[in-house]
PDB file of all heavy atoms in Angstrom:
ATOM      1  N   VAL A   1     -81.889-118.442 -10.532  1.00  0.00           N
ATOM      2  CA  VAL A   1     -81.557-119.737 -11.138  1.00  0.00           C
ATOM      3  C   VAL A   1     -81.402-120.815 -10.072  1.00  0.00           C
ATOM      4  O   VAL A   1     -81.934-121.927 -10.200  1.00  0.00           O
ATOM      5  CB  VAL A   1     -80.272-119.609 -11.978  1.00  0.00           C
ATOM      6  CG1 VAL A   1     -79.777-120.987 -12.415  1.00  0.00           C
ATOM      7  CG2 VAL A   1     -80.520-118.732 -13.196  1.00  0.00           C
ATOM      8  N   VAL A   2     -80.685-120.483  -9.017  1.00  0.00           N
ATOM      9  CA  VAL A   2     -80.463-121.468  -7.952  1.00  0.00           C
ATOM     10  C   VAL A   2     -81.777-121.801  -7.240  1.00  0.00           C
ATOM     11  O   VAL A   2     -82.084-122.966  -6.973  1.00  0.00           O
ATOM     12  CB  VAL A   2     -79.414-120.951  -6.955  1.00  0.00           C
ATOM     13  CG1 VAL A   2     -79.269-121.909  -5.786  1.00  0.00           C
ATOM     14  CG2 VAL A   2     -78.074-120.765  -7.649  1.00  0.00           C
ATOM     15  N   ALA A   3     -82.572-120.770  -6.935  1.00  0.00           N
ATOM     16  CA  ALA A   3     -83.853-121.013  -6.259  1.00  0.00           C
ATOM     17  C   ALA A   3     -84.789-121.835  -7.131  1.00  0.00           C
ATOM     18  O   ALA A   3     -85.494-122.730  -6.639  1.00  0.00           O
ATOM     19  CB  ALA A   3     -84.499-119.684  -5.886  1.00  0.00           C
ATOM     20  N   LEU A   4     -84.792-121.557  -8.435  1.00  0.00           N
ATOM     21  CA  LEU A   4     -85.667-122.306  -9.334  1.00  0.00           C
ATOM     22  C   LEU A   4     -85.262-123.774  -9.406  1.00  0.00           C
ATOM     23  O   LEU A   4     -86.116-124.666  -9.424  1.00  0.00           O
ATOM     24  CB  LEU A   4     -85.635-121.681 -10.730  1.00  0.00           C
ATOM     25  CG  LEU A   4     -86.796-122.026 -11.672  1.00  0.00           C
ATOM     26  CD1 LEU A   4     -88.114-121.572 -11.081  1.00  0.00           C
ATOM     27  CD2 LEU A   4     -86.565-121.397 -13.034  1.00  0.00           C
ATOM     28  N   SER A   5     -83.963-124.028  -9.434  1.00  0.00           N
ATOM     29  CA  SER A   5     -83.503-125.426  -9.457  1.00  0.00           C
ATOM     30  C   SER A   5     -83.847-126.146  -8.163  1.00  0.00           C
ATOM     31  O   SER A   5     -84.202-127.333  -8.174  1.00  0.00           O
ATOM     32  CB  SER A   5     -81.998-125.478  -9.712  1.00  0.00           C
ATOM     33  OG  SER A   5     -81.287-124.866  -8.645  1.00  0.00           O
ATOM     34  N   LEU A   6     -83.770-125.444  -7.042  1.00  0.00           N
ATOM     35  CA  LEU A   6     -84.138-126.055  -5.769  1.00  0.00           C
ATOM     36  C   LEU A   6     -85.624-126.333  -5.694  1.00  0.00           C
ATOM     37  O   LEU A   6     -86.062-127.407  -5.263  1.00  0.00           O
ATOM     38  CB  LEU A   6     -83.721-125.146  -4.607  1.00  0.00           C
ATOM     39  CG  LEU A   6     -82.229-125.070  -4.271  1.00  0.00           C
ATOM     40  CD1 LEU A   6     -81.999-124.038  -3.180  1.00  0.00           C
ATOM     41  CD2 LEU A   6     -81.711-126.420  -3.821  1.00  0.00           C
ATOM     42  N   ILE A   7     -86.435-125.371  -6.105  1.00  0.00           N
ATOM     43  CA  ILE A   7     -87.885-125.509  -5.966  1.00  0.00           C
ATOM     44  C   ILE A   7     -88.441-126.561  -6.917  1.00  0.00           C
ATOM     45  O   ILE A   7     -89.285-127.384  -6.536  1.00  0.00           O
ATOM     46  CB  ILE A   7     -88.569-124.149  -6.198  1.00  0.00           C
ATOM     47  CG1 ILE A   7     -88.197-123.178  -5.072  1.00  0.00           C
ATOM     48  CG2 ILE A   7     -90.080-124.300  -6.290  1.00  0.00           C
ATOM     49  CD1 ILE A   7     -88.662-121.766  -5.307  1.00  0.00           C
ATOM     50  N   ARG A   8     -87.951-126.570  -8.155  1.00  0.00           N
ATOM     51  CA  ARG A   8     -88.525-127.478  -9.143  1.00  0.00           C
ATOM     52  C   ARG A   8     -88.080-128.923  -8.954  1.00  0.00           C
ATOM     53  O   ARG A   8     -88.893-129.848  -9.067  1.00  0.00           O
ATOM     54  CB  ARG A   8     -88.162-127.012 -10.550  1.00  0.00           C
ATOM     55  CG  ARG A   8     -88.948-125.811 -11.020  1.00  0.00           C
ATOM     56  CD  ARG A   8     -88.645-125.522 -12.486  1.00  0.00           C
ATOM     57  NE  ARG A   8     -89.480-124.438 -13.005  1.00  0.00           N
ATOM     58  CZ  ARG A   8     -89.409-123.989 -14.253  1.00  0.00           C
ATOM     59  NH1 ARG A   8     -88.541-124.536 -15.094  1.00  0.00           N
ATOM     60  NH2 ARG A   8     -90.199-123.008 -14.641  1.00  0.00           N
ATOM     61  N   GLU A   9     -86.807-129.140  -8.689  1.00  0.00           N
ATOM     62  CA  GLU A   9     -86.294-130.503  -8.652  1.00  0.00           C
ATOM     63  C   GLU A   9     -85.558-130.848  -7.361  1.00  0.00           C
ATOM     64  O   GLU A   9     -85.770-131.908  -6.796  1.00  0.00           O
ATOM     65  CB  GLU A   9     -85.347-130.741  -9.849  1.00  0.00           C
ATOM     66  CG  GLU A   9     -85.981-130.525 -11.204  1.00  0.00           C
ATOM     67  CD  GLU A   9     -87.116-131.496 -11.490  1.00  0.00           C
ATOM     68  OE1 GLU A   9     -87.147-132.577 -10.869  1.00  0.00           O
ATOM     69  OE2 GLU A   9     -87.975-131.169 -12.321  1.00  0.00           O
ATOM     70  N   GLY A  10     -84.688-129.955  -6.904  1.00  0.00           N
ATOM     71  CA  GLY A  10     -83.789-130.303  -5.802  1.00  0.00           C
ATOM     72  C   GLY A  10     -84.508-130.647  -4.513  1.00  0.00           C
ATOM     73  O   GLY A  10     -84.325-131.730  -3.949  1.00  0.00           O
ATOM     74  N   VAL A  11     -85.339-129.733  -4.045  1.00  0.00           N
ATOM     75  CA  VAL A  11     -86.006-129.946  -2.751  1.00  0.00           C
ATOM     76  C   VAL A  11     -87.022-131.085  -2.806  1.00  0.00           C
ATOM     77  O   VAL A  11     -87.023-131.937  -1.905  1.00  0.00           O
ATOM     78  CB  VAL A  11     -86.656-128.636  -2.267  1.00  0.00           C
ATOM     79  CG1 VAL A  11     -87.512-128.897  -1.040  1.00  0.00           C
ATOM     80  CG2 VAL A  11     -85.582-127.610  -1.943  1.00  0.00           C
ATOM     81  N   PRO A  12     -87.926-131.171  -3.801  1.00  0.00           N
ATOM     82  CA  PRO A  12     -88.866-132.297  -3.796  1.00  0.00           C
ATOM     83  C   PRO A  12     -88.198-133.663  -3.777  1.00  0.00           C
ATOM     84  O   PRO A  12     -88.630-134.564  -3.054  1.00  0.00           O
ATOM     85  CB  PRO A  12     -89.669-132.085  -5.093  1.00  0.00           C
ATOM     86  CG  PRO A  12     -89.603-130.629  -5.347  1.00  0.00           C
ATOM     87  CD  PRO A  12     -88.230-130.215  -4.888  1.00  0.00           C
ATOM     88  N   VAL A  13     -87.119-133.806  -4.543  1.00  0.00           N
ATOM     89  CA  VAL A  13     -86.452-135.114  -4.616  1.00  0.00           C
ATOM     90  C   VAL A  13     -85.620-135.379  -3.371  1.00  0.00           C
ATOM     91  O   VAL A  13     -85.744-136.432  -2.725  1.00  0.00           O
ATOM     92  CB  VAL A  13     -85.582-135.195  -5.883  1.00  0.00           C
ATOM     93  CG1 VAL A  13     -84.773-136.496  -5.887  1.00  0.00           C
ATOM     94  CG2 VAL A  13     -86.445-135.113  -7.128  1.00  0.00           C
ATOM     95  N   MET A  14     -84.758-134.432  -2.991  1.00  0.00           N
ATOM     96  CA  MET A  14     -83.854-134.660  -1.869  1.00  0.00           C
ATOM     97  C   MET A  14     -84.598-134.736  -0.542  1.00  0.00           C
ATOM     98  O   MET A  14     -84.296-135.589   0.309  1.00  0.00           O
ATOM     99  CB  MET A  14     -82.803-133.545  -1.818  1.00  0.00           C
ATOM    100  CG  MET A  14     -81.934-133.440  -3.053  1.00  0.00           C
ATOM    101  SD  MET A  14     -81.065-134.974  -3.439  1.00  0.00           S
ATOM    102  CE  MET A  14     -79.984-135.116  -2.035  1.00  0.00           C
ATOM    103  N   ALA A  15     -85.576-133.873  -0.347  1.00  0.00           N
ATOM    104  CA  ALA A  15     -86.350-133.919   0.900  1.00  0.00           C
ATOM    105  C   ALA A  15     -87.159-135.208   0.993  1.00  0.00           C
ATOM    106  O   ALA A  15     -87.258-135.809   2.069  1.00  0.00           O
ATOM    107  CB  ALA A  15     -87.269-132.709   0.994  1.00  0.00           C
ATOM    108  N   SER A  16     -87.728-135.649  -0.123  1.00  0.00           N
ATOM    109  CA  SER A  16     -88.493-136.897  -0.107  1.00  0.00           C
ATOM    110  C   SER A  16     -87.597-138.088   0.187  1.00  0.00           C
ATOM    111  O   SER A  16     -87.983-138.994   0.939  1.00  0.00           O
ATOM    112  CB  SER A  16     -89.204-137.089  -1.451  1.00  0.00           C
ATOM    113  OG  SER A  16     -90.121-136.041  -1.689  1.00  0.00           O
ATOM    114  N   LEU A  17     -86.404-138.099  -0.382  1.00  0.00           N
ATOM    115  CA  LEU A  17     -85.460-139.187  -0.085  1.00  0.00           C
ATOM    116  C   LEU A  17     -85.062-139.185   1.387  1.00  0.00           C
ATOM    117  O   LEU A  17     -84.927-140.241   2.006  1.00  0.00           O
ATOM    118  CB  LEU A  17     -84.221-139.054  -0.972  1.00  0.00           C
ATOM    119  CG  LEU A  17     -84.393-139.401  -2.449  1.00  0.00           C
ATOM    120  CD1 LEU A  17     -83.103-139.131  -3.202  1.00  0.00           C
ATOM    121  CD2 LEU A  17     -84.804-140.857  -2.625  1.00  0.00           C
ATOM    122  N   ALA A  18     -84.886-137.992   1.949  1.00  0.00           N
ATOM    123  CA  ALA A  18     -84.538-137.905   3.371  1.00  0.00           C
ATOM    124  C   ALA A  18     -85.674-138.423   4.245  1.00  0.00           C
ATOM    125  O   ALA A  18     -85.440-139.118   5.245  1.00  0.00           O
ATOM    126  CB  ALA A  18     -84.203-136.458   3.731  1.00  0.00           C
ATOM    127  N   ILE A  19     -86.916-138.102   3.879  1.00  0.00           N
ATOM    128  CA  ILE A  19     -88.062-138.580   4.652  1.00  0.00           C
ATOM    129  C   ILE A  19     -88.182-140.096   4.543  1.00  0.00           C
ATOM    130  O   ILE A  19     -88.459-140.791   5.529  1.00  0.00           O
ATOM    131  CB  ILE A  19     -89.358-137.900   4.179  1.00  0.00           C
ATOM    132  CG1 ILE A  19     -89.280-136.385   4.421  1.00  0.00           C
ATOM    133  CG2 ILE A  19     -90.562-138.474   4.908  1.00  0.00           C
ATOM    134  CD1 ILE A  19     -90.431-135.621   3.816  1.00  0.00           C
ATOM    135  N   VAL A  20     -87.982-140.616   3.329  1.00  0.00           N
ATOM    136  CA  VAL A  20     -88.037-142.068   3.149  1.00  0.00           C
ATOM    137  C   VAL A  20     -86.975-142.751   4.001  1.00  0.00           C
ATOM    138  O   VAL A  20     -87.229-143.784   4.638  1.00  0.00           O
ATOM    139  CB  VAL A  20     -87.860-142.416   1.658  1.00  0.00           C
ATOM    140  CG1 VAL A  20     -87.636-143.913   1.474  1.00  0.00           C
ATOM    141  CG2 VAL A  20     -89.085-141.975   0.866  1.00  0.00           C
ATOM    142  N   THR A  21     -85.779-142.168   4.033  1.00  0.00           N
ATOM    143  CA  THR A  21     -84.711-142.754   4.824  1.00  0.00           C
ATOM    144  C   THR A  21     -85.032-142.754   6.312  1.00  0.00           C
ATOM    145  O   THR A  21     -84.789-143.732   7.018  1.00  0.00           O
ATOM    146  CB  THR A  21     -83.403-141.986   4.579  1.00  0.00           C
ATOM    147  OG1 THR A  21     -83.108-141.991   3.179  1.00  0.00           O
ATOM    148  CG2 THR A  21     -82.247-142.623   5.332  1.00  0.00           C
ATOM    149  N   GLN A  22     -85.583-141.662   6.797  1.00  0.00           N
ATOM    150  CA  GLN A  22     -85.824-141.518   8.231  1.00  0.00           C
ATOM    151  C   GLN A  22     -87.143-142.146   8.666  1.00  0.00           C
ATOM    152  O   GLN A  22     -87.194-142.899   9.647  1.00  0.00           O
ATOM    153  CB  GLN A  22     -85.818-140.036   8.606  1.00  0.00           C
ATOM    154  CG  GLN A  22     -86.089-139.745  10.070  1.00  0.00           C
ATOM    155  CD  GLN A  22     -84.897-140.010  10.958  1.00  0.00           C
ATOM    156  OE1 GLN A  22     -83.778-140.081  10.451  1.00  0.00           O
ATOM    157  NE2 GLN A  22     -85.111-140.157  12.246  1.00  0.00           N
ATOM    158  N   PHE A  23     -88.205-141.851   7.963  1.00  0.00           N
ATOM    159  CA  PHE A  23     -89.551-142.224   8.417  1.00  0.00           C
ATOM    160  C   PHE A  23     -89.963-143.618   7.951  1.00  0.00           C
ATOM    161  O   PHE A  23     -90.398-144.447   8.757  1.00  0.00           O
ATOM    162  CB  PHE A  23     -90.561-141.182   7.934  1.00  0.00           C
ATOM    163  CG  PHE A  23     -91.989-141.539   8.193  1.00  0.00           C
ATOM    164  CD1 PHE A  23     -92.507-141.488   9.484  1.00  0.00           C
ATOM    165  CD2 PHE A  23     -92.831-141.917   7.157  1.00  0.00           C
ATOM    166  CE1 PHE A  23     -93.834-141.811   9.730  1.00  0.00           C
ATOM    167  CE2 PHE A  23     -94.149-142.240   7.398  1.00  0.00           C
ATOM    168  CZ  PHE A  23     -94.647-142.186   8.689  1.00  0.00           C
ATOM    169  N   CYS A  24     -89.809-143.868   6.663  1.00  0.00           N
ATOM    170  CA  CYS A  24     -90.331-145.121   6.113  1.00  0.00           C
ATOM    171  C   CYS A  24     -89.581-146.342   6.629  1.00  0.00           C
ATOM    172  O   CYS A  24     -90.175-147.408   6.823  1.00  0.00           O
ATOM    173  CB  CYS A  24     -90.287-145.073   4.593  1.00  0.00           C
ATOM    174  SG  CYS A  24     -91.350-143.801   3.877  1.00  0.00           S
ATOM    175  N   THR A  25     -88.281-146.213   6.851  1.00  0.00           N
ATOM    176  CA  THR A  25     -87.542-147.339   7.404  1.00  0.00           C
ATOM    177  C   THR A  25     -88.008-147.654   8.820  1.00  0.00           C
ATOM    178  O   THR A  25     -88.116-148.825   9.206  1.00  0.00           O
ATOM    179  CB  THR A  25     -86.041-147.045   7.407  1.00  0.00           C
ATOM    180  OG1 THR A  25     -85.800-145.772   8.054  1.00  0.00           O
ATOM    181  CG2 THR A  25     -85.486-146.992   6.003  1.00  0.00           C
TER     182      THR A  25
END
């Protein structure tokens, strides 16, 4: 359950936000 929540929603959203914060700025 935890892995599925991370793979489907958690990691794509949170990792993308982190990249936007670090790289895009």
